[in-house]
Amino acid sequence: MLRRDSGFMDFTRKYKVLIDGEEAGTIGNGGRFETEVEAGSHTLQLRIDWCSSNLLEFFAPEGSQLGLECGSNLRGRNIWKASRLLDEAPEAWIWLRLAA
């Protein structure tokens, strides 16, 4: 299951969920996204317009559920870095990681 934190930046926008490069759905602010994938190695990335998250590679064991988290990197003082992030590192707009 993928959980998105709730934040000011992008709060009205949904992130596209790409599994193995194919759009599998969307996730809204503070939302959850669940889907089934075949056992094995996969990639996961989130997109909003021309910005994205890191590309996360993961292994899905058969019959188990993975916990994942995501959100905007623009928090607190980082909000003022939005234009620089768009120009220099659009792939860092969203953070994506395995849940602790």
PDB file of N, CA and C in Angstrom:
ATOM      1  N   MET A   1       0.838  -1.170   0.000  1.00  0.00           N
ATOM      2  CA  MET A   1       0.000   0.000   0.000  1.00  0.00           C
ATOM      3  C   MET A   1       0.891   1.244   0.000  1.00  0.00           C
ATOM      4  N   LEU A   2       0.511   2.229  -0.783  1.00  0.00           N
ATOM      5  CA  LEU A   2       1.214   3.504  -0.860  1.00  0.00           C
ATOM      6  C   LEU A   2       0.387   4.555  -0.138  1.00  0.00           C
ATOM      7  N   ARG A   3       1.029   5.270   0.787  1.00  0.00           N
ATOM      8  CA  ARG A   3       0.364   6.362   1.508  1.00  0.00           C
ATOM      9  C   ARG A   3       1.042   7.676   1.164  1.00  0.00           C
ATOM     10  N   ARG A   4       0.238   8.688   0.885  1.00  0.00           N
ATOM     11  CA  ARG A   4       0.763  10.023   0.598  1.00  0.00           C
ATOM     12  C   ARG A   4       0.495  10.913   1.798  1.00  0.00           C
ATOM     13  N   ASP A   5       1.528  11.636   2.229  1.00  0.00           N
ATOM     14  CA  ASP A   5       1.310  12.533   3.359  1.00  0.00           C
ATOM     15  C   ASP A   5       0.484  13.730   2.903  1.00  0.00           C
ATOM     16  N   SER A   6       0.039  14.496   3.855  1.00  0.00           N
ATOM     17  CA  SER A   6      -0.782  15.664   3.568  1.00  0.00           C
ATOM     18  C   SER A   6       0.074  16.908   3.712  1.00  0.00           C
ATOM     19  N   GLY A   7       0.082  17.725   2.691  1.00  0.00           N
ATOM     20  CA  GLY A   7       0.890  18.936   2.725  1.00  0.00           C
ATOM     21  C   GLY A   7       0.289  20.021   1.855  1.00  0.00           C
ATOM     22  N   PHE A   8       0.828  21.234   1.992  1.00  0.00           N
ATOM     23  CA  PHE A   8       0.291  22.378   1.269  1.00  0.00           C
ATOM     24  C   PHE A   8       0.587  22.331  -0.227  1.00  0.00           C
ATOM     25  N   MET A   9       1.856  22.059  -0.568  1.00  0.00           N
ATOM     26  CA  MET A   9       2.212  22.009  -1.986  1.00  0.00           C
ATOM     27  C   MET A   9       1.505  20.825  -2.637  1.00  0.00           C
ATOM     28  N   ASP A  10       0.917  21.038  -3.754  1.00  0.00           N
ATOM     29  CA  ASP A  10       0.238  19.994  -4.536  1.00  0.00           C
ATOM     30  C   ASP A  10      -1.020  19.454  -3.855  1.00  0.00           C
ATOM     31  N   PHE A  11      -1.558  20.140  -2.844  1.00  0.00           N
ATOM     32  CA  PHE A  11      -2.670  19.552  -2.094  1.00  0.00           C
ATOM     33  C   PHE A  11      -3.927  19.360  -2.945  1.00  0.00           C
ATOM     34  N   THR A  12      -4.059  20.110  -4.022  1.00  0.00           N
ATOM     35  CA  THR A  12      -5.227  19.938  -4.887  1.00  0.00           C
ATOM     36  C   THR A  12      -4.947  18.998  -6.057  1.00  0.00           C
ATOM     37  N   ARG A  13      -3.734  18.489  -6.146  1.00  0.00           N
ATOM     38  CA  ARG A  13      -3.308  17.691  -7.298  1.00  0.00           C
ATOM     39  C   ARG A  13      -3.119  16.230  -6.920  1.00  0.00           C
ATOM     40  N   LYS A  14      -3.351  15.375  -7.876  1.00  0.00           N
ATOM     41  CA  LYS A  14      -3.100  13.949  -7.691  1.00  0.00           C
ATOM     42  C   LYS A  14      -1.796  13.584  -8.378  1.00  0.00           C
ATOM     43  N   TYR A  15      -1.062  12.668  -7.781  1.00  0.00           N
ATOM     44  CA  TYR A  15       0.154  12.136  -8.393  1.00  0.00           C
ATOM     45  C   TYR A  15      -0.235  10.906  -9.218  1.00  0.00           C
ATOM     46  N   LYS A  16       0.337  10.773 -10.401  1.00  0.00           N
ATOM     47  CA  LYS A  16       0.168   9.556 -11.189  1.00  0.00           C
ATOM     48  C   LYS A  16       1.105   8.494 -10.624  1.00  0.00           C
ATOM     49  N   VAL A  17       0.607   7.287 -10.487  1.00  0.00           N
ATOM     50  CA  VAL A  17       1.392   6.163  -9.980  1.00  0.00           C
ATOM     51  C   VAL A  17       1.807   5.308 -11.176  1.00  0.00           C
ATOM     52  N   LEU A  18       3.120   5.209 -11.398  1.00  0.00           N
ATOM     53  CA  LEU A  18       3.650   4.420 -12.510  1.00  0.00           C
ATOM     54  C   LEU A  18       4.350   3.179 -11.966  1.00  0.00           C
ATOM     55  N   ILE A  19       3.866   2.021 -12.346  1.00  0.00           N
ATOM     56  CA  ILE A  19       4.493   0.758 -11.960  1.00  0.00           C
ATOM     57  C   ILE A  19       5.081   0.140 -13.221  1.00  0.00           C
ATOM     58  N   ASP A  20       6.366  -0.096 -13.181  1.00  0.00           N
ATOM     59  CA  ASP A  20       7.085  -0.620 -14.348  1.00  0.00           C
ATOM     60  C   ASP A  20       6.856   0.259 -15.579  1.00  0.00           C
ATOM     61  N   GLY A  21       6.768   1.574 -15.352  1.00  0.00           N
ATOM     62  CA  GLY A  21       6.620   2.537 -16.437  1.00  0.00           C
ATOM     63  C   GLY A  21       5.212   2.727 -16.959  1.00  0.00           C
ATOM     64  N   GLU A  22       4.248   1.988 -16.435  1.00  0.00           N
ATOM     65  CA  GLU A  22       2.856   2.073 -16.883  1.00  0.00           C
ATOM     66  C   GLU A  22       1.995   2.719 -15.806  1.00  0.00           C
ATOM     67  N   GLU A  23       1.086   3.620 -16.213  1.00  0.00           N
ATOM     68  CA  GLU A  23       0.216   4.268 -15.239  1.00  0.00           C
ATOM     69  C   GLU A  23      -0.753   3.252 -14.642  1.00  0.00           C
ATOM     70  N   ALA A  24      -0.746   3.166 -13.305  1.00  0.00           N
ATOM     71  CA  ALA A  24      -1.583   2.203 -12.594  1.00  0.00           C
ATOM     72  C   ALA A  24      -2.710   2.881 -11.827  1.00  0.00           C
ATOM     73  N   GLY A  25      -2.681   4.222 -11.744  1.00  0.00           N
ATOM     74  CA  GLY A  25      -3.703   4.954 -11.020  1.00  0.00           C
ATOM     75  C   GLY A  25      -3.167   6.280 -10.532  1.00  0.00           C
ATOM     76  N   THR A  26      -3.883   6.875  -9.575  1.00  0.00           N
ATOM     77  CA  THR A  26      -3.480   8.154  -8.997  1.00  0.00           C
ATOM     78  C   THR A  26      -3.630   8.101  -7.485  1.00  0.00           C
ATOM     79  N   ILE A  27      -2.955   9.040  -6.818  1.00  0.00           N
ATOM     80  CA  ILE A  27      -3.074   9.155  -5.365  1.00  0.00           C
ATOM     81  C   ILE A  27      -3.205  10.631  -5.011  1.00  0.00           C
ATOM     82  N   GLY A  28      -4.214  10.962  -4.211  1.00  0.00           N
ATOM     83  CA  GLY A  28      -4.476  12.335  -3.806  1.00  0.00           C
ATOM     84  C   GLY A  28      -3.808  12.694  -2.490  1.00  0.00           C
ATOM     85  N   ASN A  29      -3.892  13.960  -2.134  1.00  0.00           N
ATOM     86  CA  ASN A  29      -3.313  14.482  -0.903  1.00  0.00           C
ATOM     87  C   ASN A  29      -3.874  13.728   0.307  1.00  0.00           C
ATOM     88  N   GLY A  30      -2.996  13.161   1.127  1.00  0.00           N
ATOM     89  CA  GLY A  30      -3.417  12.400   2.299  1.00  0.00           C
ATOM     90  C   GLY A  30      -4.049  11.062   1.960  1.00  0.00           C
ATOM     91  N   GLY A  31      -3.928  10.638   0.709  1.00  0.00           N
ATOM     92  CA  GLY A  31      -4.620   9.444   0.243  1.00  0.00           C
ATOM     93  C   GLY A  31      -3.813   8.166   0.311  1.00  0.00           C
ATOM     94  N   ARG A  32      -4.467   7.100  -0.153  1.00  0.00           N
ATOM     95  CA  ARG A  32      -3.865   5.772  -0.197  1.00  0.00           C
ATOM     96  C   ARG A  32      -4.104   5.180  -1.580  1.00  0.00           C
ATOM     97  N   PHE A  33      -3.163   4.364  -2.004  1.00  0.00           N
ATOM     98  CA  PHE A  33      -3.281   3.667  -3.285  1.00  0.00           C
ATOM     99  C   PHE A  33      -2.882   2.218  -3.064  1.00  0.00           C
ATOM    100  N   GLU A  34      -3.718   1.307  -3.538  1.00  0.00           N
ATOM    101  CA  GLU A  34      -3.417  -0.119  -3.424  1.00  0.00           C
ATOM    102  C   GLU A  34      -3.644  -0.788  -4.765  1.00  0.00           C
ATOM    103  N   THR A  35      -2.781  -1.711  -5.100  1.00  0.00           N
ATOM    104  CA  THR A  35      -2.937  -2.528  -6.295  1.00  0.00           C
ATOM    105  C   THR A  35      -2.158  -3.818  -6.102  1.00  0.00           C
ATOM    106  N   GLU A  36      -2.462  -4.788  -6.898  1.00  0.00           N
ATOM    107  CA  GLU A  36      -1.722  -6.048  -6.849  1.00  0.00           C
ATOM    108  C   GLU A  36      -0.721  -6.076  -7.990  1.00  0.00           C
ATOM    109  N   VAL A  37       0.468  -6.588  -7.698  1.00  0.00           N
ATOM    110  CA  VAL A  37       1.487  -6.800  -8.725  1.00  0.00           C
ATOM    111  C   VAL A  37       1.947  -8.247  -8.631  1.00  0.00           C
ATOM    112  N   GLU A  38       2.455  -8.746  -9.730  1.00  0.00           N
ATOM    113  CA  GLU A  38       2.996 -10.102  -9.729  1.00  0.00           C
ATOM    114  C   GLU A  38       4.231 -10.144  -8.845  1.00  0.00           C
ATOM    115  N   ALA A  39       4.495 -11.296  -8.268  1.00  0.00           N
ATOM    116  CA  ALA A  39       5.714 -11.464  -7.472  1.00  0.00           C
ATOM    117  C   ALA A  39       6.918 -11.217  -8.373  1.00  0.00           C
ATOM    118  N   GLY A  40       7.934 -10.558  -7.806  1.00  0.00           N
ATOM    119  CA  GLY A  40       9.147 -10.292  -8.571  1.00  0.00           C
ATOM    120  C   GLY A  40       9.612  -8.858  -8.443  1.00  0.00           C
ATOM    121  N   SER A  41      10.549  -8.478  -9.296  1.00  0.00           N
ATOM    122  CA  SER A  41      11.145  -7.137  -9.263  1.00  0.00           C
ATOM    123  C   SER A  41      10.298  -6.157 -10.066  1.00  0.00           C
ATOM    124  N   HIS A  42      10.164  -4.955  -9.515  1.00  0.00           N
ATOM    125  CA  HIS A  42       9.352  -3.911 -10.147  1.00  0.00           C
ATOM    126  C   HIS A  42       9.988  -2.549  -9.894  1.00  0.00           C
ATOM    127  N   THR A  43       9.484  -1.546 -10.621  1.00  0.00           N
ATOM    128  CA  THR A  43       9.855  -0.157 -10.356  1.00  0.00           C
ATOM    129  C   THR A  43       8.586   0.630 -10.073  1.00  0.00           C
ATOM    130  N   LEU A  44       8.746   1.673  -9.282  1.00  0.00           N
ATOM    131  CA  LEU A  44       7.637   2.557  -8.938  1.00  0.00           C
ATOM    132  C   LEU A  44       8.129   3.987  -9.045  1.00  0.00           C
ATOM    133  N   GLN A  45       7.336   4.835  -9.678  1.00  0.00           N
ATOM    134  CA  GLN A  45       7.652   6.257  -9.764  1.00  0.00           C
ATOM    135  C   GLN A  45       6.340   7.027  -9.753  1.00  0.00           C
ATOM    136  N   LEU A  46       6.380   8.222  -9.203  1.00  0.00           N
ATOM    137  CA  LEU A  46       5.213   9.097  -9.161  1.00  0.00           C
ATOM    138  C   LEU A  46       5.484  10.305 -10.039  1.00  0.00           C
ATOM    139  N   ARG A  47       4.428  10.819 -10.692  1.00  0.00           N
ATOM    140  CA  ARG A  47       4.581  11.978 -11.575  1.00  0.00           C
ATOM    141  C   ARG A  47       3.469  12.984 -11.332  1.00  0.00           C
ATOM    142  N   ILE A  48       3.836  14.247 -11.500  1.00  0.00           N
ATOM    143  CA  ILE A  48       2.884  15.347 -11.535  1.00  0.00           C
ATOM    144  C   ILE A  48       3.415  16.306 -12.592  1.00  0.00           C
ATOM    145  N   ASP A  49       2.686  16.450 -13.668  1.00  0.00           N
ATOM    146  CA  ASP A  49       3.133  17.246 -14.817  1.00  0.00           C
ATOM    147  C   ASP A  49       4.507  16.770 -15.263  1.00  0.00           C
ATOM    148  N   TRP A  50       5.474  17.653 -15.341  1.00  0.00           N
ATOM    149  CA  TRP A  50       6.822  17.275 -15.788  1.00  0.00           C
ATOM    150  C   TRP A  50       7.747  16.949 -14.617  1.00  0.00           C
ATOM    151  N   CYS A  51       7.225  16.934 -13.415  1.00  0.00           N
ATOM    152  CA  CYS A  51       8.026  16.606 -12.228  1.00  0.00           C
ATOM    153  C   CYS A  51       7.730  15.172 -11.791  1.00  0.00           C
ATOM    154  N   SER A  52       8.641  14.620 -11.000  1.00  0.00           N
ATOM    155  CA  SER A  52       8.462  13.230 -10.590  1.00  0.00           C
ATOM    156  C   SER A  52       9.163  12.952  -9.271  1.00  0.00           C
ATOM    157  N   SER A  53       9.068  11.702  -8.876  1.00  0.00           N
ATOM    158  CA  SER A  53       9.796  11.210  -7.706  1.00  0.00           C
ATOM    159  C   SER A  53      11.048  10.499  -8.196  1.00  0.00           C
ATOM    160  N   ASN A  54      11.824  10.044  -7.242  1.00  0.00           N
ATOM    161  CA  ASN A  54      12.901   9.110  -7.548  1.00  0.00           C
ATOM    162  C   ASN A  54      12.283   7.825  -8.099  1.00  0.00           C
ATOM    163  N   LEU A  55      13.053   7.052  -8.825  1.00  0.00           N
ATOM    164  CA  LEU A  55      12.613   5.751  -9.322  1.00  0.00           C
ATOM    165  C   LEU A  55      12.960   4.721  -8.246  1.00  0.00           C
ATOM    166  N   LEU A  56      11.947   4.105  -7.675  1.00  0.00           N
ATOM    167  CA  LEU A  56      12.139   3.137  -6.597  1.00  0.00           C
ATOM    168  C   LEU A  56      12.060   1.725  -7.167  1.00  0.00           C
ATOM    169  N   GLU A  57      13.122   0.963  -6.990  1.00  0.00           N
ATOM    170  CA  GLU A  57      13.127  -0.442  -7.391  1.00  0.00           C
ATOM    171  C   GLU A  57      12.796  -1.273  -6.159  1.00  0.00           C
ATOM    172  N   PHE A  58      11.892  -2.244  -6.325  1.00  0.00           N
ATOM    173  CA  PHE A  58      11.511  -3.070  -5.184  1.00  0.00           C
ATOM    174  C   PHE A  58      11.218  -4.492  -5.642  1.00  0.00           C
ATOM    175  N   PHE A  59      11.251  -5.406  -4.690  1.00  0.00           N
ATOM    176  CA  PHE A  59      10.913  -6.805  -4.938  1.00  0.00           C
ATOM    177  C   PHE A  59       9.623  -7.108  -4.192  1.00  0.00           C
ATOM    178  N   ALA A  60       8.642  -7.633  -4.898  1.00  0.00           N
ATOM    179  CA  ALA A  60       7.355  -7.983  -4.295  1.00  0.00           C
ATOM    180  C   ALA A  60       7.302  -9.496  -4.077  1.00  0.00           C
ATOM    181  N   PRO A  61       7.418  -9.939  -2.817  1.00  0.00           N
ATOM    182  CA  PRO A  61       7.300 -11.373  -2.545  1.00  0.00           C
ATOM    183  C   PRO A  61       5.853 -11.831  -2.770  1.00  0.00           C
ATOM    184  N   GLU A  62       5.677 -13.068  -3.149  1.00  0.00           N
ATOM    185  CA  GLU A  62       4.336 -13.589  -3.388  1.00  0.00           C
ATOM    186  C   GLU A  62       3.533 -13.615  -2.088  1.00  0.00           C
ATOM    187  N   GLY A  63       2.298 -13.125  -2.154  1.00  0.00           N
ATOM    188  CA  GLY A  63       1.384 -13.189  -1.026  1.00  0.00           C
ATOM    189  C   GLY A  63       1.646 -12.211   0.102  1.00  0.00           C
ATOM    190  N   SER A  64       2.465 -11.187  -0.126  1.00  0.00           N
ATOM    191  CA  SER A  64       2.714 -10.217   0.948  1.00  0.00           C
ATOM    192  C   SER A  64       2.385  -8.807   0.467  1.00  0.00           C
ATOM    193  N   GLN A  65       2.345  -7.893   1.422  1.00  0.00           N
ATOM    194  CA  GLN A  65       2.014  -6.506   1.110  1.00  0.00           C
ATOM    195  C   GLN A  65       3.178  -5.612   1.507  1.00  0.00           C
ATOM    196  N   LEU A  66       3.541  -4.688   0.633  1.00  0.00           N
ATOM    197  CA  LEU A  66       4.602  -3.722   0.924  1.00  0.00           C
ATOM    198  C   LEU A  66       3.989  -2.418   1.399  1.00  0.00           C
ATOM    199  N   GLY A  67       4.681  -1.739   2.302  1.00  0.00           N
ATOM    200  CA  GLY A  67       4.276  -0.419   2.739  1.00  0.00           C
ATOM    201  C   GLY A  67       5.191   0.626   2.116  1.00  0.00           C
ATOM    202  N   LEU A  68       4.615   1.613   1.454  1.00  0.00           N
ATOM    203  CA  LEU A  68       5.368   2.678   0.804  1.00  0.00           C
ATOM    204  C   LEU A  68       4.795   4.023   1.216  1.00  0.00           C
ATOM    205  N   GLU A  69       5.642   5.056   1.193  1.00  0.00           N
ATOM    206  CA  GLU A  69       5.227   6.409   1.571  1.00  0.00           C
ATOM    207  C   GLU A  69       5.716   7.399   0.525  1.00  0.00           C
ATOM    208  N   CYS A  70       4.969   8.490   0.362  1.00  0.00           N
ATOM    209  CA  CYS A  70       5.390   9.535  -0.571  1.00  0.00           C
ATOM    210  C   CYS A  70       4.872  10.888  -0.099  1.00  0.00           C
ATOM    211  N   GLY A  71       5.405  11.941  -0.703  1.00  0.00           N
ATOM    212  CA  GLY A  71       4.964  13.298  -0.412  1.00  0.00           C
ATOM    213  C   GLY A  71       5.813  14.304  -1.161  1.00  0.00           C
ATOM    214  N   SER A  72       5.466  15.557  -1.029  1.00  0.00           N
ATOM    215  CA  SER A  72       6.204  16.625  -1.695  1.00  0.00           C
ATOM    216  C   SER A  72       7.453  16.982  -0.900  1.00  0.00           C
ATOM    217  N   ASN A  73       8.555  17.213  -1.604  1.00  0.00           N
ATOM    218  CA  ASN A  73       9.789  17.674  -0.961  1.00  0.00           C
ATOM    219  C   ASN A  73       9.729  19.151  -0.597  1.00  0.00           C
ATOM    220  N   LEU A  74       8.688  19.841  -1.021  1.00  0.00           N
ATOM    221  CA  LEU A  74       8.584  21.272  -0.746  1.00  0.00           C
ATOM    222  C   LEU A  74       7.837  21.496   0.564  1.00  0.00           C
ATOM    223  N   ARG A  75       8.599  21.567   1.634  1.00  0.00           N
ATOM    224  CA  ARG A  75       8.075  21.766   2.985  1.00  0.00           C
ATOM    225  C   ARG A  75       8.830  22.905   3.641  1.00  0.00           C
ATOM    226  N   GLY A  76       8.157  23.639   4.491  1.00  0.00           N
ATOM    227  CA  GLY A  76       8.820  24.703   5.241  1.00  0.00           C
ATOM    228  C   GLY A  76       9.570  25.658   4.328  1.00  0.00           C
ATOM    229  N   ARG A  77      10.833  25.873   4.616  1.00  0.00           N
ATOM    230  CA  ARG A  77      11.649  26.792   3.811  1.00  0.00           C
ATOM    231  C   ARG A  77      11.872  26.298   2.389  1.00  0.00           C
ATOM    232  N   ASN A  78      11.736  25.003   2.175  1.00  0.00           N
ATOM    233  CA  ASN A  78      11.939  24.457   0.831  1.00  0.00           C
ATOM    234  C   ASN A  78      10.897  24.943  -0.172  1.00  0.00           C
ATOM    235  N   ILE A  79       9.763  25.469   0.299  1.00  0.00           N
ATOM    236  CA  ILE A  79       8.752  26.004  -0.615  1.00  0.00           C
ATOM    237  C   ILE A  79       9.360  27.082  -1.499  1.00  0.00           C
ATOM    238  N   TRP A  80      10.294  27.843  -0.968  1.00  0.00           N
ATOM    239  CA  TRP A  80      10.923  28.925  -1.732  1.00  0.00           C
ATOM    240  C   TRP A  80      11.882  28.394  -2.795  1.00  0.00           C
ATOM    241  N   LYS A  81      12.163  27.096  -2.768  1.00  0.00           N
ATOM    242  CA  LYS A  81      13.060  26.493  -3.758  1.00  0.00           C
ATOM    243  C   LYS A  81      12.305  25.885  -4.940  1.00  0.00           C
ATOM    244  N   ALA A  82      11.005  26.104  -5.024  1.00  0.00           N
ATOM    245  CA  ALA A  82      10.188  25.456  -6.052  1.00  0.00           C
ATOM    246  C   ALA A  82      10.679  25.734  -7.466  1.00  0.00           C
ATOM    247  N   SER A  83      10.945  26.987  -7.792  1.00  0.00           N
ATOM    248  CA  SER A  83      11.359  27.294  -9.168  1.00  0.00           C
ATOM    249  C   SER A  83      12.727  26.691  -9.478  1.00  0.00           C
ATOM    250  N   ARG A  84      13.628  26.693  -8.491  1.00  0.00           N
ATOM    251  CA  ARG A  84      14.947  26.093  -8.704  1.00  0.00           C
ATOM    252  C   ARG A  84      14.827  24.582  -8.909  1.00  0.00           C
ATOM    253  N   LEU A  85      13.960  23.959  -8.125  1.00  0.00           N
ATOM    254  CA  LEU A  85      13.747  22.521  -8.248  1.00  0.00           C
ATOM    255  C   LEU A  85      13.167  22.173  -9.619  1.00  0.00           C
ATOM    256  N   LEU A  86      12.242  22.992 -10.101  1.00  0.00           N
ATOM    257  CA  LEU A  86      11.672  22.767 -11.433  1.00  0.00           C
ATOM    258  C   LEU A  86      12.740  22.814 -12.514  1.00  0.00           C
ATOM    259  N   ASP A  87      13.658  23.762 -12.397  1.00  0.00           N
ATOM    260  CA  ASP A  87      14.707  23.933 -13.405  1.00  0.00           C
ATOM    261  C   ASP A  87      15.819  22.904 -13.284  1.00  0.00           C
ATOM    262  N   GLU A  88      16.253  22.625 -12.057  1.00  0.00           N
ATOM    263  CA  GLU A  88      17.468  21.834 -11.852  1.00  0.00           C
ATOM    264  C   GLU A  88      17.236  20.361 -11.526  1.00  0.00           C
ATOM    265  N   ALA A  89      16.138  20.047 -10.861  1.00  0.00           N
ATOM    266  CA  ALA A  89      15.932  18.652 -10.431  1.00  0.00           C
ATOM    267  C   ALA A  89      14.442  18.305 -10.353  1.00  0.00           C
ATOM    268  N   PRO A  90      13.740  18.329 -11.491  1.00  0.00           N
ATOM    269  CA  PRO A  90      12.302  18.033 -11.440  1.00  0.00           C
ATOM    270  C   PRO A  90      11.991  16.625 -10.928  1.00  0.00           C
ATOM    271  N   GLU A  91      12.995  15.721 -10.982  1.00  0.00           N
ATOM    272  CA  GLU A  91      12.789  14.358 -10.484  1.00  0.00           C
ATOM    273  C   GLU A  91      12.862  14.289  -8.956  1.00  0.00           C
ATOM    274  N   ALA A  92      13.110  15.416  -8.305  1.00  0.00           N
ATOM    275  CA  ALA A  92      13.179  15.453  -6.840  1.00  0.00           C
ATOM    276  C   ALA A  92      11.980  16.190  -6.233  1.00  0.00           C
ATOM    277  N   TRP A  93      10.969  16.478  -7.029  1.00  0.00           N
ATOM    278  CA  TRP A  93       9.792  17.200  -6.533  1.00  0.00           C
ATOM    279  C   TRP A  93       9.053  16.368  -5.482  1.00  0.00           C
ATOM    280  N   ILE A  94       8.993  15.062  -5.709  1.00  0.00           N
ATOM    281  CA  ILE A  94       8.264  14.146  -4.826  1.00  0.00           C
ATOM    282  C   ILE A  94       9.253  13.161  -4.198  1.00  0.00           C
ATOM    283  N   TRP A  95       9.123  12.905  -2.907  1.00  0.00           N
ATOM    284  CA  TRP A  95       9.926  11.846  -2.289  1.00  0.00           C
ATOM    285  C   TRP A  95       9.097  10.565  -2.266  1.00  0.00           C
ATOM    286  N   LEU A  96       9.792   9.437  -2.364  1.00  0.00           N
ATOM    287  CA  LEU A  96       9.160   8.126  -2.394  1.00  0.00           C
ATOM    288  C   LEU A  96      10.097   7.141  -1.710  1.00  0.00           C
ATOM    289  N   ARG A  97       9.558   6.357  -0.769  1.00  0.00           N
ATOM    290  CA  ARG A  97      10.408   5.406  -0.037  1.00  0.00           C
ATOM    291  C   ARG A  97       9.563   4.265   0.530  1.00  0.00           C
ATOM    292  N   LEU A  98      10.262   3.203   0.912  1.00  0.00           N
ATOM    293  CA  LEU A  98       9.613   2.118   1.636  1.00  0.00           C
ATOM    294  C   LEU A  98       9.258   2.626   3.026  1.00  0.00           C
ATOM    295  N   ALA A  99       8.108   2.232   3.541  1.00  0.00           N
ATOM    296  CA  ALA A  99       7.701   2.649   4.884  1.00  0.00           C
ATOM    297  C   ALA A  99       8.582   1.962   5.918  1.00  0.00           C
ATOM    298  N   ALA A 100       8.796   2.666   7.023  1.00  0.00           N
ATOM    299  CA  ALA A 100       9.641   2.120   8.097  1.00  0.00           C
ATOM    300  C   ALA A 100       8.950   0.980   8.808  1.00  0.00           C
TER     301      ALA A 100
END
